[in-house]
Amino acid sequence: MVTMDFLDAFCTQFELNNAILAQCQPFSCGDADLDDFFLNDADNYSRQMLGKSYCYRLDADPSVIVCAFTLANASVDVWHLPNSRKKKLAELIPHEKHLTSYPAYLACRLGVSIFFRGKGIGTNLMNNIKLWVMKPDTKGGCRFVSVDAYNNERTRRYYENNGFKYLFSTEQQEKDYLGMPPEKELKTRLMYYDLMLLSDKM
């Protein structure tokens, strides 16, 4: 069940760029790499047409960024999947529509301010992203939301709790797909969410 909570009641969404950042207090989600991207690279990332970043600002104090995220065009590639995983994805699509890849939005970065943790904002944000990319005025088809999630228990659990599935059933399958040696650490996991699960909400 998709619910609209804190972000919809108390915040407004803006495109995240240098002009907005100049109006706001420094944003920190507690992850140095994500903080550096949102504060120093998001505007250039957008100008290079690699992805667009957005933020929710607190209505009571617009200088406060509650959360931020970046979306890019992507696809879920099934051509190189092991047969068992390929069949699992194929089950979601009518047979006559089977393709080698399916359109997706990549939620490539996502962070919630350290001052707003524990309010369910991460789930609220992901719900909003899912519904937003499905709006009738979205230009182009989008069947999935995909992520390249940090391979740690906390991050994996967040995406699992928000309905995401692993593209590869094991880390070794994913390493084989990426051409990684078995001894090398897999730092991220490819995951996807099927937006058809929400089609009755639109």
N, C-alpha and C. Protein backbone atom coordinates (compact mmCIF):
# COMPACT_ATOMS: atom_id res chain seq x y z
N MET A 1 0.84 -1.19 0.00
CA MET A 1 0.00 0.00 0.00
C MET A 1 0.88 1.24 0.00
N VAL A 2 0.70 2.11 -0.97
CA VAL A 2 1.47 3.34 -1.05
C VAL A 2 0.78 4.42 -0.23
N THR A 3 1.50 5.04 0.70
CA THR A 3 0.95 6.11 1.51
C THR A 3 1.72 7.39 1.27
N MET A 4 1.06 8.53 1.44
CA MET A 4 1.68 9.82 1.29
C MET A 4 1.81 10.44 2.67
N ASP A 5 3.02 10.69 3.12
CA ASP A 5 3.22 11.10 4.50
C ASP A 5 3.95 12.43 4.61
N PHE A 6 5.08 12.43 5.29
CA PHE A 6 5.77 13.65 5.67
C PHE A 6 6.08 14.56 4.49
N LEU A 7 6.63 14.00 3.43
CA LEU A 7 7.07 14.83 2.30
C LEU A 7 5.91 15.58 1.67
N ASP A 8 4.77 14.92 1.54
CA ASP A 8 3.62 15.54 0.90
C ASP A 8 2.93 16.54 1.81
N ALA A 9 3.01 16.31 3.11
CA ALA A 9 2.34 17.19 4.07
C ALA A 9 3.17 18.43 4.40
N PHE A 10 4.49 18.30 4.41
CA PHE A 10 5.33 19.36 4.97
C PHE A 10 6.43 19.87 4.05
N CYS A 11 6.52 19.34 2.82
CA CYS A 11 7.65 19.69 1.96
C CYS A 11 7.17 19.98 0.53
N THR A 12 8.06 20.61 -0.25
CA THR A 12 7.83 20.85 -1.67
C THR A 12 9.06 20.38 -2.44
N GLN A 13 8.80 19.74 -3.59
CA GLN A 13 9.89 19.22 -4.42
C GLN A 13 10.45 20.30 -5.35
N PHE A 14 11.78 20.32 -5.50
CA PHE A 14 12.47 21.23 -6.39
C PHE A 14 13.54 20.45 -7.15
N GLU A 15 13.89 20.95 -8.33
CA GLU A 15 15.08 20.44 -8.99
C GLU A 15 16.29 20.89 -8.18
N LEU A 16 17.24 20.00 -7.97
CA LEU A 16 18.43 20.34 -7.18
C LEU A 16 19.52 20.86 -8.10
N ASN A 17 19.86 22.15 -7.95
CA ASN A 17 20.92 22.76 -8.75
C ASN A 17 21.66 23.76 -7.88
N ASN A 18 22.65 24.40 -8.45
CA ASN A 18 23.47 25.32 -7.67
C ASN A 18 22.69 26.50 -7.12
N ALA A 19 21.69 26.96 -7.87
CA ALA A 19 20.88 28.09 -7.40
C ALA A 19 20.09 27.69 -6.15
N ILE A 20 19.54 26.49 -6.14
CA ILE A 20 18.80 26.01 -4.97
C ILE A 20 19.75 25.80 -3.80
N LEU A 21 20.90 25.20 -4.07
CA LEU A 21 21.86 24.94 -3.00
C LEU A 21 22.32 26.24 -2.33
N ALA A 22 22.43 27.30 -3.11
CA ALA A 22 22.85 28.59 -2.56
C ALA A 22 21.83 29.16 -1.59
N GLN A 23 20.58 28.72 -1.71
CA GLN A 23 19.51 29.20 -0.83
C GLN A 23 19.35 28.34 0.42
N CYS A 24 20.08 27.22 0.47
CA CYS A 24 19.84 26.22 1.51
C CYS A 24 21.05 26.01 2.42
N GLN A 25 20.76 25.45 3.57
CA GLN A 25 21.82 25.00 4.47
C GLN A 25 22.48 23.77 3.86
N PRO A 26 23.75 23.53 4.20
CA PRO A 26 24.43 22.34 3.66
C PRO A 26 23.65 21.07 4.00
N PHE A 27 23.53 20.21 2.99
CA PHE A 27 22.79 18.95 3.15
C PHE A 27 23.75 17.83 3.50
N SER A 28 23.34 16.99 4.46
CA SER A 28 24.13 15.80 4.77
C SER A 28 23.20 14.64 5.08
N CYS A 29 23.44 13.52 4.39
CA CYS A 29 22.69 12.30 4.67
C CYS A 29 23.53 11.30 5.46
N GLY A 30 24.76 11.72 5.82
CA GLY A 30 25.64 10.85 6.60
C GLY A 30 26.56 9.98 5.79
N ASP A 31 26.45 10.06 4.46
CA ASP A 31 27.34 9.31 3.57
C ASP A 31 28.18 10.32 2.81
N ALA A 32 29.49 10.29 3.01
CA ALA A 32 30.37 11.31 2.45
C ALA A 32 30.30 11.38 0.93
N ASP A 33 30.23 10.22 0.26
CA ASP A 33 30.18 10.21 -1.21
C ASP A 33 28.89 10.83 -1.73
N LEU A 34 27.75 10.47 -1.10
CA LEU A 34 26.48 11.04 -1.52
C LEU A 34 26.43 12.54 -1.24
N ASP A 35 26.89 12.93 -0.06
CA ASP A 35 26.90 14.36 0.29
C ASP A 35 27.71 15.15 -0.72
N ASP A 36 28.88 14.64 -1.07
CA ASP A 36 29.74 15.34 -2.02
C ASP A 36 29.06 15.46 -3.38
N PHE A 37 28.36 14.40 -3.81
CA PHE A 37 27.68 14.48 -5.10
C PHE A 37 26.59 15.54 -5.08
N PHE A 38 25.71 15.49 -4.10
CA PHE A 38 24.58 16.42 -4.08
C PHE A 38 25.05 17.87 -3.94
N LEU A 39 26.10 18.10 -3.16
CA LEU A 39 26.55 19.46 -2.91
C LEU A 39 27.46 20.01 -4.01
N ASN A 40 28.21 19.13 -4.68
CA ASN A 40 29.25 19.62 -5.58
C ASN A 40 29.15 19.15 -7.03
N ASP A 41 28.36 18.12 -7.30
CA ASP A 41 28.40 17.55 -8.65
C ASP A 41 27.03 17.41 -9.30
N ALA A 42 25.95 17.52 -8.54
CA ALA A 42 24.62 17.27 -9.11
C ALA A 42 24.29 18.21 -10.25
N ASP A 43 24.66 19.49 -10.11
CA ASP A 43 24.34 20.47 -11.14
C ASP A 43 25.07 20.14 -12.44
N ASN A 44 26.35 19.81 -12.35
CA ASN A 44 27.11 19.46 -13.54
C ASN A 44 26.63 18.15 -14.15
N TYR A 45 26.24 17.20 -13.31
CA TYR A 45 25.69 15.93 -13.78
C TYR A 45 24.47 16.17 -14.65
N SER A 46 23.63 17.13 -14.21
CA SER A 46 22.43 17.47 -14.98
C SER A 46 22.80 18.17 -16.29
N ARG A 47 23.74 19.09 -16.24
CA ARG A 47 24.13 19.83 -17.45
C ARG A 47 24.75 18.91 -18.49
N GLN A 48 25.38 17.84 -18.04
CA GLN A 48 25.93 16.86 -18.97
C GLN A 48 24.88 15.84 -19.43
N MET A 49 23.63 16.04 -18.98
CA MET A 49 22.49 15.20 -19.37
C MET A 49 22.68 13.73 -19.00
N LEU A 50 23.30 13.51 -17.83
CA LEU A 50 23.52 12.15 -17.34
C LEU A 50 22.44 11.73 -16.36
N GLY A 51 21.77 12.68 -15.77
CA GLY A 51 20.71 12.42 -14.81
C GLY A 51 20.29 13.72 -14.17
N LYS A 52 19.11 13.74 -13.58
CA LYS A 52 18.61 14.94 -12.93
C LYS A 52 18.40 14.68 -11.45
N SER A 53 18.79 15.67 -10.65
CA SER A 53 18.65 15.55 -9.20
C SER A 53 17.53 16.46 -8.71
N TYR A 54 16.89 16.01 -7.66
CA TYR A 54 15.77 16.72 -7.08
C TYR A 54 15.89 16.69 -5.56
N CYS A 55 15.21 17.61 -4.92
CA CYS A 55 15.21 17.62 -3.46
C CYS A 55 13.83 18.02 -2.96
N TYR A 56 13.57 17.68 -1.72
CA TYR A 56 12.39 18.16 -1.01
C TYR A 56 12.85 19.15 0.05
N ARG A 57 12.29 20.36 0.00
CA ARG A 57 12.61 21.40 0.97
C ARG A 57 11.47 21.55 1.96
N LEU A 58 11.81 21.83 3.20
CA LEU A 58 10.82 21.97 4.26
C LEU A 58 10.03 23.25 4.06
N ASP A 59 8.71 23.15 4.01
CA ASP A 59 7.86 24.32 3.78
C ASP A 59 8.03 25.37 4.88
N ALA A 60 8.17 24.91 6.12
CA ALA A 60 8.30 25.84 7.25
C ALA A 60 9.63 26.58 7.24
N ASP A 61 10.64 26.00 6.59
CA ASP A 61 11.96 26.62 6.47
C ASP A 61 12.60 26.11 5.19
N PRO A 62 12.37 26.80 4.05
CA PRO A 62 12.86 26.31 2.75
C PRO A 62 14.38 26.22 2.64
N SER A 63 15.11 26.71 3.63
CA SER A 63 16.56 26.55 3.60
C SER A 63 16.98 25.14 4.00
N VAL A 64 16.03 24.34 4.46
CA VAL A 64 16.31 22.98 4.91
C VAL A 64 15.95 21.98 3.83
N ILE A 65 16.94 21.21 3.37
CA ILE A 65 16.71 20.11 2.44
C ILE A 65 16.48 18.84 3.26
N VAL A 66 15.31 18.24 3.11
CA VAL A 66 14.96 17.05 3.88
C VAL A 66 15.54 15.80 3.24
N CYS A 67 15.51 15.72 1.91
CA CYS A 67 16.06 14.56 1.20
C CYS A 67 16.36 14.95 -0.23
N ALA A 68 17.14 14.14 -0.89
CA ALA A 68 17.53 14.40 -2.28
C ALA A 68 17.67 13.09 -3.02
N PHE A 69 17.47 13.15 -4.35
CA PHE A 69 17.62 11.93 -5.15
C PHE A 69 17.96 12.31 -6.58
N THR A 70 18.50 11.34 -7.32
CA THR A 70 18.87 11.53 -8.71
C THR A 70 18.26 10.41 -9.55
N LEU A 71 17.68 10.80 -10.70
CA LEU A 71 17.11 9.84 -11.63
C LEU A 71 17.82 9.91 -12.97
N ALA A 72 18.02 8.76 -13.58
CA ALA A 72 18.61 8.69 -14.92
C ALA A 72 17.84 7.67 -15.73
N ASN A 73 17.87 7.82 -17.05
CA ASN A 73 17.27 6.82 -17.93
C ASN A 73 18.16 5.57 -17.94
N ALA A 74 17.53 4.42 -17.95
CA ALA A 74 18.29 3.17 -17.91
C ALA A 74 17.44 2.07 -18.52
N SER A 75 17.88 0.84 -18.36
CA SER A 75 17.11 -0.32 -18.79
C SER A 75 17.47 -1.50 -17.91
N VAL A 76 16.56 -2.44 -17.83
CA VAL A 76 16.84 -3.72 -17.19
C VAL A 76 17.15 -4.70 -18.30
N ASP A 77 18.41 -5.09 -18.36
CA ASP A 77 18.90 -5.95 -19.43
C ASP A 77 18.71 -7.42 -19.05
N VAL A 78 18.00 -8.16 -19.86
CA VAL A 78 17.78 -9.58 -19.57
C VAL A 78 18.59 -10.49 -20.50
N TRP A 79 19.20 -9.94 -21.52
CA TRP A 79 19.89 -10.73 -22.52
C TRP A 79 21.00 -11.58 -21.92
N HIS A 80 21.73 -11.00 -20.95
CA HIS A 80 22.89 -11.70 -20.39
C HIS A 80 22.59 -12.37 -19.05
N LEU A 81 21.32 -12.40 -18.66
CA LEU A 81 20.97 -13.04 -17.39
C LEU A 81 21.05 -14.55 -17.51
N PRO A 82 21.37 -15.24 -16.40
CA PRO A 82 21.24 -16.71 -16.40
C PRO A 82 19.80 -17.09 -16.72
N ASN A 83 19.60 -18.26 -17.32
CA ASN A 83 18.28 -18.65 -17.78
C ASN A 83 17.21 -18.58 -16.70
N SER A 84 17.57 -19.00 -15.48
CA SER A 84 16.59 -19.00 -14.40
C SER A 84 16.12 -17.59 -14.07
N ARG A 85 17.04 -16.62 -14.10
CA ARG A 85 16.68 -15.24 -13.80
C ARG A 85 15.93 -14.62 -14.98
N LYS A 86 16.34 -15.00 -16.19
CA LYS A 86 15.66 -14.50 -17.39
C LYS A 86 14.20 -14.94 -17.40
N LYS A 87 13.96 -16.18 -17.03
CA LYS A 87 12.59 -16.69 -16.99
C LYS A 87 11.77 -15.98 -15.92
N LYS A 88 12.41 -15.67 -14.80
CA LYS A 88 11.69 -14.99 -13.71
C LYS A 88 11.19 -13.62 -14.16
N LEU A 89 12.04 -12.89 -14.88
CA LEU A 89 11.62 -11.59 -15.39
C LEU A 89 10.61 -11.74 -16.52
N ALA A 90 10.80 -12.75 -17.37
CA ALA A 90 9.91 -12.95 -18.50
C ALA A 90 8.49 -13.25 -18.05
N GLU A 91 8.35 -13.85 -16.87
CA GLU A 91 7.03 -14.15 -16.33
C GLU A 91 6.21 -12.89 -16.09
N LEU A 92 6.88 -11.75 -15.93
CA LEU A 92 6.19 -10.50 -15.64
C LEU A 92 5.63 -9.84 -16.90
N ILE A 93 6.12 -10.26 -18.07
CA ILE A 93 5.80 -9.58 -19.33
C ILE A 93 5.01 -10.51 -20.23
N PRO A 94 3.92 -10.03 -20.87
CA PRO A 94 3.21 -10.87 -21.84
C PRO A 94 4.17 -11.41 -22.90
N HIS A 95 3.96 -12.65 -23.30
CA HIS A 95 4.92 -13.33 -24.19
C HIS A 95 5.21 -12.55 -25.46
N GLU A 96 4.17 -11.94 -26.04
CA GLU A 96 4.38 -11.25 -27.31
C GLU A 96 5.16 -9.95 -27.15
N LYS A 97 5.40 -9.54 -25.91
CA LYS A 97 6.13 -8.30 -25.65
C LYS A 97 7.55 -8.56 -25.14
N HIS A 98 8.01 -9.78 -25.19
CA HIS A 98 9.34 -10.10 -24.66
C HIS A 98 10.42 -9.36 -25.45
N LEU A 99 11.32 -8.71 -24.72
CA LEU A 99 12.42 -7.97 -25.31
C LEU A 99 13.72 -8.41 -24.66
N THR A 100 14.84 -7.92 -25.17
CA THR A 100 16.12 -8.23 -24.54
C THR A 100 16.44 -7.26 -23.41
N SER A 101 15.73 -6.13 -23.37
CA SER A 101 15.86 -5.19 -22.26
C SER A 101 14.57 -4.42 -22.14
N TYR A 102 14.31 -3.89 -20.94
CA TYR A 102 13.05 -3.19 -20.68
C TYR A 102 13.35 -1.82 -20.08
N PRO A 103 12.56 -0.81 -20.48
CA PRO A 103 12.85 0.56 -20.03
C PRO A 103 12.70 0.72 -18.53
N ALA A 104 13.58 1.53 -17.97
CA ALA A 104 13.60 1.74 -16.52
C ALA A 104 14.12 3.13 -16.21
N TYR A 105 13.80 3.59 -15.04
CA TYR A 105 14.48 4.73 -14.46
C TYR A 105 15.44 4.20 -13.41
N LEU A 106 16.64 4.72 -13.42
CA LEU A 106 17.64 4.35 -12.43
C LEU A 106 17.64 5.39 -11.32
N ALA A 107 17.30 4.96 -10.11
CA ALA A 107 17.44 5.82 -8.94
C ALA A 107 18.89 5.69 -8.49
N CYS A 108 19.74 6.53 -9.10
CA CYS A 108 21.18 6.30 -8.93
C CYS A 108 21.73 6.90 -7.64
N ARG A 109 21.02 7.83 -7.03
CA ARG A 109 21.45 8.37 -5.73
C ARG A 109 20.22 8.76 -4.94
N LEU A 110 20.28 8.51 -3.64
CA LEU A 110 19.15 8.82 -2.77
C LEU A 110 19.67 9.02 -1.35
N GLY A 111 19.28 10.11 -0.72
CA GLY A 111 19.72 10.37 0.64
C GLY A 111 18.71 11.17 1.44
N VAL A 112 18.58 10.85 2.72
CA VAL A 112 17.70 11.57 3.64
C VAL A 112 18.58 12.28 4.66
N SER A 113 18.26 13.53 4.95
CA SER A 113 19.03 14.32 5.90
C SER A 113 19.16 13.60 7.24
N ILE A 114 20.33 13.72 7.84
CA ILE A 114 20.57 13.09 9.15
C ILE A 114 19.63 13.65 10.21
N PHE A 115 19.06 14.83 9.98
CA PHE A 115 18.16 15.44 10.95
C PHE A 115 16.72 14.97 10.81
N PHE A 116 16.44 14.15 9.80
CA PHE A 116 15.08 13.70 9.56
C PHE A 116 14.97 12.18 9.48
N ARG A 117 15.90 11.51 10.12
CA ARG A 117 15.84 10.05 10.14
C ARG A 117 14.76 9.58 11.11
N GLY A 118 14.27 8.37 10.88
CA GLY A 118 13.30 7.78 11.78
C GLY A 118 11.88 8.24 11.58
N LYS A 119 11.60 8.96 10.50
CA LYS A 119 10.25 9.43 10.21
C LYS A 119 9.61 8.69 9.03
N GLY A 120 10.29 7.66 8.54
CA GLY A 120 9.77 6.93 7.39
C GLY A 120 9.93 7.68 6.09
N ILE A 121 10.82 8.70 6.08
CA ILE A 121 10.96 9.54 4.89
C ILE A 121 11.59 8.77 3.72
N GLY A 122 12.51 7.85 4.02
CA GLY A 122 13.12 7.08 2.95
C GLY A 122 12.09 6.28 2.17
N THR A 123 11.17 5.65 2.86
CA THR A 123 10.10 4.90 2.20
C THR A 123 9.12 5.85 1.52
N ASN A 124 8.78 6.95 2.19
CA ASN A 124 7.91 7.97 1.59
C ASN A 124 8.51 8.47 0.27
N LEU A 125 9.82 8.74 0.27
CA LEU A 125 10.49 9.22 -0.94
C LEU A 125 10.44 8.18 -2.05
N MET A 126 10.74 6.93 -1.73
CA MET A 126 10.73 5.90 -2.76
C MET A 126 9.33 5.70 -3.32
N ASN A 127 8.30 5.76 -2.46
CA ASN A 127 6.93 5.67 -2.96
C ASN A 127 6.63 6.81 -3.93
N ASN A 128 7.07 8.02 -3.57
CA ASN A 128 6.83 9.17 -4.44
C ASN A 128 7.55 9.03 -5.78
N ILE A 129 8.77 8.52 -5.76
CA ILE A 129 9.52 8.31 -7.00
C ILE A 129 8.78 7.33 -7.90
N LYS A 130 8.34 6.22 -7.32
CA LYS A 130 7.62 5.20 -8.11
C LYS A 130 6.40 5.79 -8.79
N LEU A 131 5.60 6.55 -8.04
CA LEU A 131 4.38 7.12 -8.61
C LEU A 131 4.69 8.24 -9.59
N TRP A 132 5.72 9.01 -9.31
CA TRP A 132 6.08 10.15 -10.16
C TRP A 132 6.46 9.70 -11.56
N VAL A 133 7.28 8.65 -11.67
CA VAL A 133 7.73 8.21 -12.99
C VAL A 133 6.62 7.51 -13.77
N MET A 134 5.49 7.26 -13.11
CA MET A 134 4.36 6.62 -13.78
C MET A 134 3.30 7.62 -14.22
N LYS A 135 3.48 8.88 -13.94
CA LYS A 135 2.46 9.87 -14.28
C LYS A 135 2.21 9.90 -15.78
N PRO A 136 0.97 10.21 -16.19
CA PRO A 136 0.63 10.21 -17.62
C PRO A 136 1.49 11.14 -18.46
N ASP A 137 2.02 12.22 -17.87
CA ASP A 137 2.81 13.15 -18.66
C ASP A 137 4.29 12.76 -18.75
N THR A 138 4.65 11.59 -18.16
CA THR A 138 6.02 11.11 -18.30
C THR A 138 6.29 10.80 -19.77
N LYS A 139 7.40 11.31 -20.28
CA LYS A 139 7.71 11.17 -21.70
C LYS A 139 8.52 9.89 -21.92
N GLY A 140 7.83 8.87 -22.38
CA GLY A 140 8.51 7.60 -22.63
C GLY A 140 8.03 6.53 -21.67
N GLY A 141 8.18 5.28 -22.10
CA GLY A 141 7.76 4.16 -21.28
C GLY A 141 8.75 3.88 -20.17
N CYS A 142 8.24 3.36 -19.07
CA CYS A 142 9.08 2.99 -17.94
C CYS A 142 8.41 1.85 -17.20
N ARG A 143 8.98 0.66 -17.30
CA ARG A 143 8.38 -0.52 -16.65
C ARG A 143 8.96 -0.75 -15.25
N PHE A 144 10.24 -0.38 -15.08
CA PHE A 144 10.92 -0.68 -13.82
C PHE A 144 11.59 0.56 -13.23
N VAL A 145 11.76 0.55 -11.92
CA VAL A 145 12.74 1.41 -11.26
C VAL A 145 13.89 0.50 -10.86
N SER A 146 15.09 0.85 -11.25
CA SER A 146 16.25 0.03 -10.93
C SER A 146 17.20 0.80 -10.02
N VAL A 147 18.00 0.07 -9.27
CA VAL A 147 18.99 0.67 -8.39
C VAL A 147 20.25 -0.17 -8.43
N ASP A 148 21.36 0.47 -8.17
CA ASP A 148 22.64 -0.21 -7.98
C ASP A 148 22.99 0.02 -6.51
N ALA A 149 22.40 -0.80 -5.65
CA ALA A 149 22.39 -0.54 -4.21
C ALA A 149 23.72 -0.89 -3.55
N TYR A 150 24.15 -0.03 -2.62
CA TYR A 150 25.32 -0.36 -1.82
C TYR A 150 25.12 -1.75 -1.21
N ASN A 151 26.16 -2.56 -1.29
CA ASN A 151 26.07 -3.94 -0.83
C ASN A 151 26.38 -4.04 0.66
N ASN A 152 25.50 -3.45 1.45
CA ASN A 152 25.57 -3.61 2.90
C ASN A 152 24.17 -3.93 3.40
N GLU A 153 24.08 -4.53 4.58
CA GLU A 153 22.81 -5.05 5.07
C GLU A 153 21.75 -3.96 5.20
N ARG A 154 22.13 -2.79 5.71
CA ARG A 154 21.15 -1.72 5.93
C ARG A 154 20.53 -1.25 4.61
N THR A 155 21.37 -1.03 3.60
CA THR A 155 20.87 -0.56 2.31
C THR A 155 20.06 -1.63 1.60
N ARG A 156 20.55 -2.85 1.61
CA ARG A 156 19.81 -3.95 0.96
C ARG A 156 18.44 -4.12 1.61
N ARG A 157 18.39 -4.05 2.93
CA ARG A 157 17.12 -4.23 3.64
C ARG A 157 16.14 -3.11 3.28
N TYR A 158 16.66 -1.88 3.14
CA TYR A 158 15.79 -0.76 2.76
C TYR A 158 15.11 -1.05 1.42
N TYR A 159 15.88 -1.46 0.43
CA TYR A 159 15.29 -1.72 -0.88
C TYR A 159 14.39 -2.96 -0.87
N GLU A 160 14.79 -3.99 -0.15
CA GLU A 160 13.94 -5.17 -0.02
C GLU A 160 12.59 -4.79 0.60
N ASN A 161 12.61 -3.99 1.65
CA ASN A 161 11.38 -3.57 2.32
C ASN A 161 10.51 -2.70 1.43
N ASN A 162 11.12 -2.09 0.40
CA ASN A 162 10.37 -1.26 -0.54
C ASN A 162 10.04 -2.01 -1.83
N GLY A 163 10.10 -3.33 -1.77
CA GLY A 163 9.60 -4.16 -2.87
C GLY A 163 10.58 -4.47 -3.98
N PHE A 164 11.85 -4.10 -3.83
CA PHE A 164 12.85 -4.36 -4.88
C PHE A 164 13.32 -5.81 -4.81
N LYS A 165 13.60 -6.36 -6.00
CA LYS A 165 14.12 -7.72 -6.13
C LYS A 165 15.54 -7.66 -6.70
N TYR A 166 16.33 -8.68 -6.41
CA TYR A 166 17.69 -8.76 -6.96
C TYR A 166 17.63 -9.22 -8.41
N LEU A 167 18.36 -8.54 -9.28
CA LEU A 167 18.42 -8.96 -10.67
C LEU A 167 19.13 -10.30 -10.78
N PHE A 168 20.15 -10.51 -9.95
CA PHE A 168 20.87 -11.78 -9.90
C PHE A 168 20.60 -12.42 -8.54
N SER A 169 20.36 -13.72 -8.52
CA SER A 169 19.99 -14.38 -7.27
C SER A 169 21.16 -14.50 -6.31
N THR A 170 22.39 -14.50 -6.81
CA THR A 170 23.57 -14.61 -5.94
C THR A 170 24.61 -13.56 -6.33
N GLU A 171 25.48 -13.27 -5.40
CA GLU A 171 26.57 -12.33 -5.68
C GLU A 171 27.50 -12.90 -6.74
N GLN A 172 27.71 -14.23 -6.71
CA GLN A 172 28.61 -14.82 -7.69
C GLN A 172 28.06 -14.68 -9.11
N GLN A 173 26.74 -14.84 -9.29
CA GLN A 173 26.13 -14.62 -10.61
C GLN A 173 26.40 -13.19 -11.09
N GLU A 174 26.26 -12.25 -10.17
CA GLU A 174 26.47 -10.85 -10.55
C GLU A 174 27.94 -10.58 -10.87
N LYS A 175 28.84 -11.18 -10.11
CA LYS A 175 30.27 -11.04 -10.40
C LYS A 175 30.60 -11.61 -11.78
N ASP A 176 30.03 -12.77 -12.10
CA ASP A 176 30.26 -13.37 -13.41
C ASP A 176 29.78 -12.44 -14.52
N TYR A 177 28.59 -11.83 -14.33
CA TYR A 177 28.03 -10.91 -15.31
C TYR A 177 28.95 -9.71 -15.50
N LEU A 178 29.54 -9.22 -14.41
CA LEU A 178 30.41 -8.05 -14.47
C LEU A 178 31.85 -8.39 -14.82
N GLY A 179 32.16 -9.69 -14.91
CA GLY A 179 33.52 -10.10 -15.22
C GLY A 179 34.48 -9.90 -14.07
N MET A 180 33.96 -10.00 -12.84
CA MET A 180 34.79 -9.79 -11.66
C MET A 180 35.37 -11.12 -11.18
N PRO A 181 36.60 -11.12 -10.70
CA PRO A 181 37.16 -12.35 -10.11
C PRO A 181 36.43 -12.68 -8.81
N PRO A 182 36.31 -13.97 -8.47
CA PRO A 182 35.54 -14.39 -7.29
C PRO A 182 36.01 -13.75 -5.99
N GLU A 183 37.32 -13.47 -5.89
CA GLU A 183 37.84 -12.95 -4.63
C GLU A 183 37.59 -11.45 -4.43
N LYS A 184 37.17 -10.76 -5.50
CA LYS A 184 36.95 -9.32 -5.40
C LYS A 184 35.60 -9.04 -4.74
N GLU A 185 35.58 -8.01 -3.88
CA GLU A 185 34.34 -7.66 -3.17
C GLU A 185 33.35 -6.98 -4.10
N LEU A 186 32.09 -7.42 -4.04
CA LEU A 186 31.02 -6.80 -4.81
C LEU A 186 30.45 -5.65 -3.99
N LYS A 187 30.68 -4.44 -4.43
CA LYS A 187 30.32 -3.27 -3.62
C LYS A 187 28.88 -2.83 -3.78
N THR A 188 28.22 -3.24 -4.88
CA THR A 188 26.83 -2.89 -5.09
C THR A 188 26.06 -4.09 -5.63
N ARG A 189 24.73 -4.07 -5.48
CA ARG A 189 23.87 -5.11 -6.03
C ARG A 189 22.82 -4.48 -6.93
N LEU A 190 22.62 -5.06 -8.11
CA LEU A 190 21.59 -4.60 -9.03
C LEU A 190 20.23 -5.10 -8.57
N MET A 191 19.27 -4.18 -8.44
CA MET A 191 17.93 -4.53 -7.98
C MET A 191 16.90 -3.80 -8.84
N TYR A 192 15.67 -4.28 -8.84
CA TYR A 192 14.63 -3.66 -9.66
C TYR A 192 13.28 -3.74 -8.95
N TYR A 193 12.40 -2.82 -9.32
CA TYR A 193 11.02 -2.81 -8.85
C TYR A 193 10.10 -2.75 -10.06
N ASP A 194 9.11 -3.64 -10.11
CA ASP A 194 8.18 -3.70 -11.23
C ASP A 194 7.03 -2.73 -10.98
N LEU A 195 6.96 -1.66 -11.78
CA LEU A 195 5.95 -0.63 -11.59
C LEU A 195 4.53 -1.12 -11.89
N MET A 196 4.39 -2.24 -12.56
CA MET A 196 3.06 -2.78 -12.79
C MET A 196 2.35 -3.11 -11.48
N LEU A 197 3.12 -3.30 -10.42
CA LEU A 197 2.53 -3.56 -9.11
C LEU A 197 1.70 -2.37 -8.63
N LEU A 198 1.98 -1.18 -9.20
CA LEU A 198 1.28 0.03 -8.79
C LEU A 198 0.33 0.54 -9.85
N SER A 199 0.14 -0.22 -10.92
CA SER A 199 -0.64 0.30 -12.04
C SER A 199 -2.06 0.66 -11.65
N ASP A 200 -2.62 0.00 -10.62
CA ASP A 200 -3.99 0.31 -10.21
C ASP A 200 -4.06 1.56 -9.35
N LYS A 201 -2.88 2.17 -9.03
CA LYS A 201 -2.87 3.40 -8.24
C LYS A 201 -2.95 4.63 -9.11
N MET A 202 -2.80 4.45 -10.43
CA MET A 202 -2.74 5.61 -11.32
C MET A 202 -4.11 5.87 -11.96
